[in-house]
Amino acid sequence: MSEARRTLVTGVSSGTGEAISSRLPREGWQATGISRRRPVPAPGSTWLRAGLAEPGALVRIPDGISAPDAVGHAVGLQRSAPLGELSADDGELMWRVRVQPATILVDALADRLPDGARVGRPGRGICRRDGARRCPAPRMTAGLRPRSPHAPAPA
């Protein structure tokens, strides 16, 4: 029997992150979830408490986990308003929660990610590091380009 694939999923206390982290263990994955609030326990999953808007906490997470075969950034935070009423503070908060955590986590894991590792955001499709498209869970998506001296970019 082969070793279970490992995944790191953000936003696991509700919504898409919760669905991904509870589904993947049923499909043979070991899931490590990150969120501020404790999720409903799921067999085959472990949980790490971290606020995604706190870069200092995020940069230490990779030190305590095995290198994942996939990273799913499934946090959901949306602030919107009519034009003329947009809030710069809300825009900065969305960046800190929706973009910066994935950047910090994947960058901290970059040297440990195996060839073929996947990085995803719900709704975007998933790419392996070698460029082939595959999806371990529906709607968990985005990607890495083949290894290069340049930062990975969505495909």
N, C-alpha and C. Protein backbone atom coordinates (compact mmCIF):
# COMPACT_ATOMS: atom_id res chain seq x y z
N MET A 1 0.84 -1.18 0.00
CA MET A 1 0.00 0.00 0.00
C MET A 1 0.89 1.25 0.00
N SER A 2 0.59 2.20 -0.86
CA SER A 2 1.41 3.40 -0.95
C SER A 2 1.08 4.38 0.17
N GLU A 3 2.02 5.27 0.45
CA GLU A 3 1.84 6.28 1.48
C GLU A 3 0.78 7.28 1.04
N ALA A 4 -0.04 7.73 1.99
CA ALA A 4 -1.08 8.71 1.66
C ALA A 4 -0.46 10.02 1.21
N ARG A 5 -1.09 10.64 0.24
CA ARG A 5 -0.66 11.97 -0.18
C ARG A 5 -1.07 12.97 0.90
N ARG A 6 -0.30 14.04 1.01
CA ARG A 6 -0.54 15.04 2.06
C ARG A 6 -0.99 16.36 1.43
N THR A 7 -1.92 17.02 2.12
CA THR A 7 -2.38 18.32 1.66
C THR A 7 -2.45 19.29 2.83
N LEU A 8 -2.23 20.55 2.54
CA LEU A 8 -2.37 21.64 3.49
C LEU A 8 -3.49 22.52 2.97
N VAL A 9 -4.53 22.74 3.78
CA VAL A 9 -5.71 23.50 3.34
C VAL A 9 -5.97 24.63 4.33
N THR A 10 -6.15 25.83 3.83
CA THR A 10 -6.50 26.96 4.68
C THR A 10 -8.01 27.14 4.73
N GLY A 11 -8.48 27.83 5.76
CA GLY A 11 -9.90 28.15 5.86
C GLY A 11 -10.78 26.95 6.12
N VAL A 12 -10.33 26.01 6.97
CA VAL A 12 -11.04 24.73 7.13
C VAL A 12 -12.18 24.75 8.14
N SER A 13 -12.45 25.89 8.78
CA SER A 13 -13.51 25.90 9.78
C SER A 13 -14.90 26.07 9.17
N SER A 14 -14.98 26.39 7.89
CA SER A 14 -16.29 26.52 7.25
C SER A 14 -16.14 26.52 5.73
N GLY A 15 -17.27 26.46 5.06
CA GLY A 15 -17.33 26.62 3.61
C GLY A 15 -16.51 25.63 2.82
N THR A 16 -15.88 26.14 1.76
CA THR A 16 -15.13 25.30 0.84
C THR A 16 -13.95 24.62 1.53
N GLY A 17 -13.23 25.34 2.39
CA GLY A 17 -12.10 24.74 3.11
C GLY A 17 -12.53 23.55 3.96
N GLU A 18 -13.66 23.69 4.63
CA GLU A 18 -14.18 22.58 5.44
C GLU A 18 -14.55 21.40 4.54
N ALA A 19 -15.19 21.68 3.42
CA ALA A 19 -15.58 20.60 2.51
C ALA A 19 -14.36 19.88 1.95
N ILE A 20 -13.34 20.63 1.57
CA ILE A 20 -12.13 20.02 1.01
C ILE A 20 -11.43 19.17 2.07
N SER A 21 -11.26 19.73 3.27
CA SER A 21 -10.51 19.01 4.30
C SER A 21 -11.25 17.80 4.84
N SER A 22 -12.57 17.75 4.71
CA SER A 22 -13.29 16.55 5.13
C SER A 22 -13.38 15.52 4.00
N ARG A 23 -13.36 15.97 2.75
CA ARG A 23 -13.46 15.06 1.62
C ARG A 23 -12.15 14.35 1.29
N LEU A 24 -11.05 15.09 1.30
CA LEU A 24 -9.78 14.50 0.86
C LEU A 24 -9.36 13.27 1.66
N PRO A 25 -9.53 13.23 2.99
CA PRO A 25 -9.17 11.99 3.70
C PRO A 25 -9.97 10.77 3.23
N ARG A 26 -11.20 10.98 2.83
CA ARG A 26 -12.00 9.87 2.29
C ARG A 26 -11.44 9.37 0.96
N GLU A 27 -10.63 10.20 0.32
CA GLU A 27 -10.03 9.83 -0.96
C GLU A 27 -8.56 9.45 -0.80
N GLY A 28 -8.14 9.20 0.45
CA GLY A 28 -6.80 8.71 0.69
C GLY A 28 -5.75 9.76 1.01
N TRP A 29 -6.14 11.00 1.18
CA TRP A 29 -5.20 12.08 1.50
C TRP A 29 -5.11 12.25 3.01
N GLN A 30 -3.96 12.70 3.51
CA GLN A 30 -3.82 13.18 4.88
C GLN A 30 -3.95 14.69 4.79
N ALA A 31 -4.92 15.26 5.48
CA ALA A 31 -5.18 16.69 5.38
C ALA A 31 -4.77 17.41 6.66
N THR A 32 -4.00 18.47 6.50
CA THR A 32 -3.69 19.37 7.60
C THR A 32 -4.41 20.67 7.30
N GLY A 33 -5.28 21.07 8.21
CA GLY A 33 -6.07 22.28 8.01
C GLY A 33 -5.59 23.42 8.88
N ILE A 34 -5.75 24.64 8.37
CA ILE A 34 -5.39 25.85 9.10
C ILE A 34 -6.62 26.75 9.14
N SER A 35 -6.93 27.25 10.34
CA SER A 35 -8.01 28.23 10.49
C SER A 35 -7.91 28.87 11.88
N ARG A 36 -8.64 29.96 12.06
CA ARG A 36 -8.70 30.60 13.38
C ARG A 36 -9.57 29.80 14.34
N ARG A 37 -10.69 29.31 13.80
CA ARG A 37 -11.64 28.54 14.63
C ARG A 37 -11.46 27.05 14.39
N ARG A 38 -11.63 26.27 15.47
CA ARG A 38 -11.52 24.81 15.36
C ARG A 38 -12.64 24.28 14.46
N PRO A 39 -12.27 23.49 13.46
CA PRO A 39 -13.30 22.89 12.59
C PRO A 39 -13.93 21.67 13.26
N VAL A 40 -14.98 21.18 12.66
CA VAL A 40 -15.56 19.91 13.08
C VAL A 40 -14.50 18.84 12.81
N PRO A 41 -14.15 18.03 13.81
CA PRO A 41 -13.11 17.01 13.58
C PRO A 41 -13.49 16.06 12.44
N ALA A 42 -12.53 15.75 11.61
CA ALA A 42 -12.73 14.82 10.50
C ALA A 42 -11.64 13.76 10.56
N PRO A 43 -12.00 12.48 10.47
CA PRO A 43 -10.98 11.43 10.47
C PRO A 43 -9.97 11.66 9.35
N GLY A 44 -8.70 11.48 9.66
CA GLY A 44 -7.65 11.67 8.66
C GLY A 44 -7.18 13.10 8.52
N SER A 45 -7.74 14.00 9.33
CA SER A 45 -7.36 15.41 9.26
C SER A 45 -6.75 15.87 10.57
N THR A 46 -5.81 16.77 10.49
CA THR A 46 -5.27 17.44 11.67
C THR A 46 -5.51 18.93 11.49
N TRP A 47 -5.48 19.66 12.59
CA TRP A 47 -5.80 21.08 12.55
C TRP A 47 -4.73 21.90 13.24
N LEU A 48 -4.39 23.03 12.65
CA LEU A 48 -3.48 24.00 13.23
C LEU A 48 -4.21 25.33 13.35
N ARG A 49 -4.15 25.92 14.54
CA ARG A 49 -4.79 27.22 14.73
C ARG A 49 -3.83 28.31 14.23
N ALA A 50 -4.33 29.16 13.34
CA ALA A 50 -3.55 30.31 12.88
C ALA A 50 -4.50 31.31 12.25
N GLY A 51 -4.28 32.57 12.55
CA GLY A 51 -5.00 33.63 11.87
C GLY A 51 -4.28 33.93 10.56
N LEU A 52 -4.98 33.83 9.46
CA LEU A 52 -4.34 33.98 8.16
C LEU A 52 -3.86 35.40 7.89
N ALA A 53 -4.33 36.36 8.66
CA ALA A 53 -3.88 37.74 8.49
C ALA A 53 -2.66 38.04 9.36
N GLU A 54 -2.08 37.02 9.96
CA GLU A 54 -0.92 37.18 10.84
C GLU A 54 0.31 36.51 10.21
N PRO A 55 1.08 37.24 9.41
CA PRO A 55 2.22 36.65 8.71
C PRO A 55 3.23 35.95 9.61
N GLY A 56 3.46 36.48 10.79
CA GLY A 56 4.44 35.87 11.70
C GLY A 56 4.06 34.45 12.08
N ALA A 57 2.78 34.19 12.26
CA ALA A 57 2.32 32.84 12.60
C ALA A 57 2.41 31.92 11.39
N LEU A 58 2.10 32.43 10.22
CA LEU A 58 2.08 31.61 9.01
C LEU A 58 3.46 31.13 8.59
N VAL A 59 4.46 31.98 8.74
CA VAL A 59 5.80 31.62 8.28
C VAL A 59 6.37 30.44 9.07
N ARG A 60 5.87 30.20 10.29
CA ARG A 60 6.35 29.09 11.11
C ARG A 60 5.62 27.78 10.85
N ILE A 61 4.47 27.81 10.24
CA ILE A 61 3.67 26.60 10.03
C ILE A 61 4.42 25.52 9.26
N PRO A 62 5.09 25.83 8.16
CA PRO A 62 5.78 24.76 7.41
C PRO A 62 6.82 24.00 8.24
N ASP A 63 7.39 24.62 9.26
CA ASP A 63 8.38 23.93 10.09
C ASP A 63 7.78 22.75 10.85
N GLY A 64 6.48 22.79 11.12
CA GLY A 64 5.86 21.76 11.92
C GLY A 64 5.08 20.71 11.16
N ILE A 65 5.16 20.72 9.83
CA ILE A 65 4.39 19.75 9.04
C ILE A 65 5.28 19.07 8.02
N SER A 66 4.83 17.91 7.55
CA SER A 66 5.51 17.24 6.45
C SER A 66 5.22 18.01 5.16
N ALA A 67 6.12 17.94 4.22
CA ALA A 67 5.91 18.64 2.94
C ALA A 67 4.63 18.12 2.28
N PRO A 68 3.73 19.00 1.92
CA PRO A 68 2.49 18.56 1.28
C PRO A 68 2.66 18.30 -0.21
N ASP A 69 1.81 17.43 -0.72
CA ASP A 69 1.73 17.19 -2.16
C ASP A 69 0.80 18.19 -2.82
N ALA A 70 -0.02 18.87 -1.99
CA ALA A 70 -0.95 19.88 -2.50
C ALA A 70 -1.20 20.91 -1.40
N VAL A 71 -1.43 22.14 -1.84
CA VAL A 71 -1.80 23.23 -0.93
C VAL A 71 -3.07 23.85 -1.50
N GLY A 72 -4.12 23.90 -0.69
CA GLY A 72 -5.38 24.51 -1.11
C GLY A 72 -5.67 25.74 -0.26
N HIS A 73 -5.72 26.90 -0.88
CA HIS A 73 -6.01 28.14 -0.16
C HIS A 73 -7.49 28.43 -0.35
N ALA A 74 -8.29 28.05 0.65
CA ALA A 74 -9.74 28.09 0.52
C ALA A 74 -10.41 29.07 1.47
N VAL A 75 -9.67 30.06 1.90
CA VAL A 75 -10.25 31.04 2.81
C VAL A 75 -11.25 31.92 2.05
N GLY A 76 -12.33 32.24 2.73
CA GLY A 76 -13.34 33.09 2.10
C GLY A 76 -13.54 34.37 2.89
N LEU A 77 -13.24 35.48 2.29
CA LEU A 77 -13.49 36.79 2.89
C LEU A 77 -13.74 37.75 1.74
N GLN A 78 -14.88 38.39 1.76
CA GLN A 78 -15.21 39.33 0.70
C GLN A 78 -15.81 40.57 1.34
N ARG A 79 -15.28 41.70 0.96
CA ARG A 79 -15.83 43.00 1.38
C ARG A 79 -16.05 43.79 0.10
N SER A 80 -17.24 44.29 -0.08
CA SER A 80 -17.50 45.07 -1.28
C SER A 80 -18.44 46.23 -0.93
N ALA A 81 -18.54 47.17 -1.83
CA ALA A 81 -19.39 48.34 -1.66
C ALA A 81 -19.56 48.98 -3.03
N PRO A 82 -20.54 49.83 -3.16
CA PRO A 82 -20.69 50.55 -4.44
C PRO A 82 -19.48 51.44 -4.69
N LEU A 83 -19.18 51.68 -5.96
CA LEU A 83 -18.10 52.61 -6.29
C LEU A 83 -18.37 53.95 -5.62
N GLY A 84 -17.32 54.53 -5.12
CA GLY A 84 -17.44 55.77 -4.37
C GLY A 84 -17.56 55.54 -2.88
N GLU A 85 -17.80 54.25 -2.49
CA GLU A 85 -17.93 53.92 -1.08
C GLU A 85 -16.97 52.79 -0.67
N LEU A 86 -16.04 52.46 -1.57
CA LEU A 86 -15.09 51.39 -1.28
C LEU A 86 -14.17 51.79 -0.13
N SER A 87 -13.76 50.80 0.64
CA SER A 87 -12.90 51.04 1.80
C SER A 87 -11.49 50.51 1.52
N ALA A 88 -10.50 51.38 1.63
CA ALA A 88 -9.12 50.93 1.48
C ALA A 88 -8.76 49.92 2.56
N ASP A 89 -9.30 50.08 3.76
CA ASP A 89 -9.04 49.12 4.84
C ASP A 89 -9.59 47.74 4.50
N ASP A 90 -10.78 47.70 3.90
CA ASP A 90 -11.34 46.41 3.49
C ASP A 90 -10.50 45.77 2.39
N GLY A 91 -10.03 46.57 1.44
CA GLY A 91 -9.18 46.05 0.38
C GLY A 91 -7.88 45.48 0.94
N GLU A 92 -7.29 46.17 1.89
CA GLU A 92 -6.05 45.70 2.51
C GLU A 92 -6.31 44.42 3.31
N LEU A 93 -7.44 44.33 4.00
CA LEU A 93 -7.79 43.12 4.75
C LEU A 93 -7.97 41.93 3.79
N MET A 94 -8.66 42.16 2.68
CA MET A 94 -8.84 41.06 1.72
C MET A 94 -7.49 40.60 1.19
N TRP A 95 -6.57 41.50 0.90
CA TRP A 95 -5.22 41.11 0.45
C TRP A 95 -4.53 40.28 1.53
N ARG A 96 -4.58 40.75 2.79
CA ARG A 96 -3.89 40.05 3.88
C ARG A 96 -4.45 38.65 4.11
N VAL A 97 -5.74 38.44 3.84
CA VAL A 97 -6.36 37.14 4.12
C VAL A 97 -6.45 36.25 2.87
N ARG A 98 -6.65 36.84 1.70
CA ARG A 98 -6.88 36.03 0.51
C ARG A 98 -5.64 35.82 -0.36
N VAL A 99 -4.67 36.72 -0.31
CA VAL A 99 -3.49 36.61 -1.17
C VAL A 99 -2.22 36.35 -0.37
N GLN A 100 -1.96 37.18 0.61
CA GLN A 100 -0.70 37.08 1.36
C GLN A 100 -0.48 35.72 2.02
N PRO A 101 -1.48 35.08 2.64
CA PRO A 101 -1.21 33.78 3.28
C PRO A 101 -0.73 32.72 2.31
N ALA A 102 -1.33 32.64 1.14
CA ALA A 102 -0.89 31.64 0.15
C ALA A 102 0.54 31.94 -0.27
N THR A 103 0.86 33.20 -0.46
CA THR A 103 2.21 33.60 -0.84
C THR A 103 3.22 33.17 0.22
N ILE A 104 2.92 33.46 1.48
CA ILE A 104 3.82 33.14 2.58
C ILE A 104 3.99 31.63 2.71
N LEU A 105 2.88 30.89 2.74
CA LEU A 105 2.96 29.44 2.94
C LEU A 105 3.70 28.74 1.80
N VAL A 106 3.34 29.04 0.57
CA VAL A 106 3.97 28.37 -0.56
C VAL A 106 5.44 28.75 -0.67
N ASP A 107 5.76 30.01 -0.41
CA ASP A 107 7.15 30.42 -0.46
C ASP A 107 7.97 29.71 0.62
N ALA A 108 7.40 29.58 1.83
CA ALA A 108 8.12 28.89 2.91
C ALA A 108 8.28 27.40 2.62
N LEU A 109 7.37 26.83 1.84
CA LEU A 109 7.42 25.41 1.50
C LEU A 109 8.17 25.12 0.19
N ALA A 110 8.50 26.14 -0.56
CA ALA A 110 9.00 25.97 -1.94
C ALA A 110 10.11 24.94 -2.08
N ASP A 111 11.09 24.96 -1.20
CA ASP A 111 12.21 24.03 -1.32
C ASP A 111 11.84 22.61 -0.95
N ARG A 112 10.69 22.43 -0.30
CA ARG A 112 10.28 21.10 0.15
C ARG A 112 9.16 20.50 -0.69
N LEU A 113 8.52 21.30 -1.55
CA LEU A 113 7.43 20.76 -2.36
C LEU A 113 7.99 19.76 -3.36
N PRO A 114 7.38 18.58 -3.44
CA PRO A 114 7.87 17.59 -4.41
C PRO A 114 7.49 17.98 -5.83
N ASP A 115 8.23 17.45 -6.81
CA ASP A 115 7.83 17.65 -8.19
C ASP A 115 6.41 17.14 -8.34
N GLY A 116 5.60 17.85 -9.08
CA GLY A 116 4.20 17.48 -9.25
C GLY A 116 3.30 18.05 -8.17
N ALA A 117 3.84 18.80 -7.20
CA ALA A 117 3.02 19.40 -6.15
C ALA A 117 2.00 20.34 -6.77
N ARG A 118 0.85 20.46 -6.12
CA ARG A 118 -0.23 21.30 -6.62
C ARG A 118 -0.50 22.42 -5.62
N VAL A 119 -0.83 23.58 -6.14
CA VAL A 119 -1.24 24.70 -5.32
C VAL A 119 -2.55 25.21 -5.90
N GLY A 120 -3.55 25.43 -5.06
CA GLY A 120 -4.83 25.78 -5.62
C GLY A 120 -5.64 26.78 -4.84
N ARG A 121 -6.56 27.41 -5.57
CA ARG A 121 -7.59 28.27 -5.00
C ARG A 121 -8.91 27.77 -5.56
N PRO A 122 -9.94 27.67 -4.71
CA PRO A 122 -11.24 27.21 -5.22
C PRO A 122 -11.70 28.02 -6.42
N GLY A 123 -12.19 27.33 -7.44
CA GLY A 123 -12.75 27.98 -8.61
C GLY A 123 -11.78 28.28 -9.72
N ARG A 124 -10.50 27.93 -9.62
CA ARG A 124 -9.52 28.30 -10.64
C ARG A 124 -8.89 27.12 -11.37
N GLY A 125 -9.09 25.88 -11.00
CA GLY A 125 -8.42 24.74 -11.62
C GLY A 125 -7.07 24.52 -10.95
N ILE A 126 -6.55 23.35 -11.05
CA ILE A 126 -5.28 23.06 -10.36
C ILE A 126 -4.23 22.65 -11.35
N CYS A 127 -3.01 23.06 -11.12
CA CYS A 127 -1.90 22.69 -11.99
C CYS A 127 -0.83 22.01 -11.16
N ARG A 128 -0.23 21.01 -11.76
CA ARG A 128 0.93 20.40 -11.12
C ARG A 128 2.14 21.23 -11.47
N ARG A 129 3.22 21.03 -10.69
CA ARG A 129 4.45 21.77 -10.94
C ARG A 129 4.98 21.47 -12.34
N ASP A 130 4.69 20.29 -12.90
CA ASP A 130 5.19 19.98 -14.24
C ASP A 130 4.30 20.53 -15.35
N GLY A 131 3.25 21.27 -14.96
CA GLY A 131 2.41 21.94 -15.94
C GLY A 131 1.17 21.17 -16.37
N ALA A 132 1.07 19.88 -16.04
CA ALA A 132 -0.10 19.10 -16.44
C ALA A 132 -1.28 19.48 -15.55
N ARG A 133 -2.47 19.57 -16.12
CA ARG A 133 -3.65 19.91 -15.33
C ARG A 133 -4.26 18.63 -14.76
N ARG A 134 -4.50 18.65 -13.44
CA ARG A 134 -5.22 17.58 -12.76
C ARG A 134 -5.87 18.16 -11.53
N CYS A 135 -6.92 17.54 -11.05
CA CYS A 135 -7.63 18.08 -9.90
C CYS A 135 -7.94 16.97 -8.90
N PRO A 136 -7.34 17.00 -7.68
CA PRO A 136 -7.62 15.96 -6.70
C PRO A 136 -8.98 16.12 -6.05
N ALA A 137 -9.56 17.30 -6.07
CA ALA A 137 -10.90 17.53 -5.52
C ALA A 137 -11.56 18.59 -6.39
N PRO A 138 -12.82 18.39 -6.75
CA PRO A 138 -13.47 19.38 -7.59
C PRO A 138 -13.38 20.77 -6.97
N ARG A 139 -13.17 21.76 -7.80
CA ARG A 139 -13.16 23.17 -7.44
C ARG A 139 -11.95 23.60 -6.63
N MET A 140 -10.99 22.72 -6.37
CA MET A 140 -9.76 23.13 -5.69
C MET A 140 -8.74 23.40 -6.78
N THR A 141 -8.34 24.68 -6.93
CA THR A 141 -7.65 25.00 -8.16
C THR A 141 -6.58 26.08 -8.12
N ALA A 142 -5.77 26.23 -9.18
CA ALA A 142 -4.72 27.20 -9.54
C ALA A 142 -3.43 26.48 -9.79
N GLY A 143 -2.27 27.10 -9.85
CA GLY A 143 -1.18 26.25 -10.19
C GLY A 143 0.22 26.77 -10.12
N LEU A 144 1.13 25.84 -10.32
CA LEU A 144 2.55 26.12 -10.36
C LEU A 144 3.07 25.80 -11.74
N ARG A 145 3.98 26.61 -12.21
CA ARG A 145 4.67 26.29 -13.46
C ARG A 145 5.84 25.38 -13.13
N PRO A 146 6.44 24.77 -14.13
CA PRO A 146 7.60 23.91 -13.85
C PRO A 146 8.66 24.66 -13.06
N ARG A 147 9.44 23.91 -12.26
CA ARG A 147 10.48 24.54 -11.44
C ARG A 147 11.35 25.44 -12.27
N SER A 148 11.63 26.61 -11.73
CA SER A 148 12.51 27.57 -12.39
C SER A 148 13.04 28.49 -11.31
N PRO A 149 13.98 29.36 -11.65
CA PRO A 149 14.47 30.29 -10.63
C PRO A 149 13.45 31.39 -10.34
N HIS A 150 12.35 31.42 -11.05
CA HIS A 150 11.33 32.45 -10.88
C HIS A 150 10.20 31.93 -10.00
N ALA A 151 9.50 32.83 -9.34
CA ALA A 151 8.37 32.44 -8.49
C ALA A 151 7.30 31.79 -9.33
N PRO A 152 6.61 30.76 -8.77
CA PRO A 152 5.50 30.14 -9.50
C PRO A 152 4.40 31.16 -9.75
N ALA A 153 3.71 31.01 -10.85
CA ALA A 153 2.62 31.92 -11.18
C ALA A 153 1.41 31.10 -11.58
N PRO A 154 0.20 31.62 -11.35
CA PRO A 154 -0.99 30.89 -11.77
C PRO A 154 -0.94 30.62 -13.27
N ALA A 155 -1.35 29.43 -13.64
CA ALA A 155 -1.35 29.06 -15.06
C ALA A 155 -2.60 29.55 -15.74
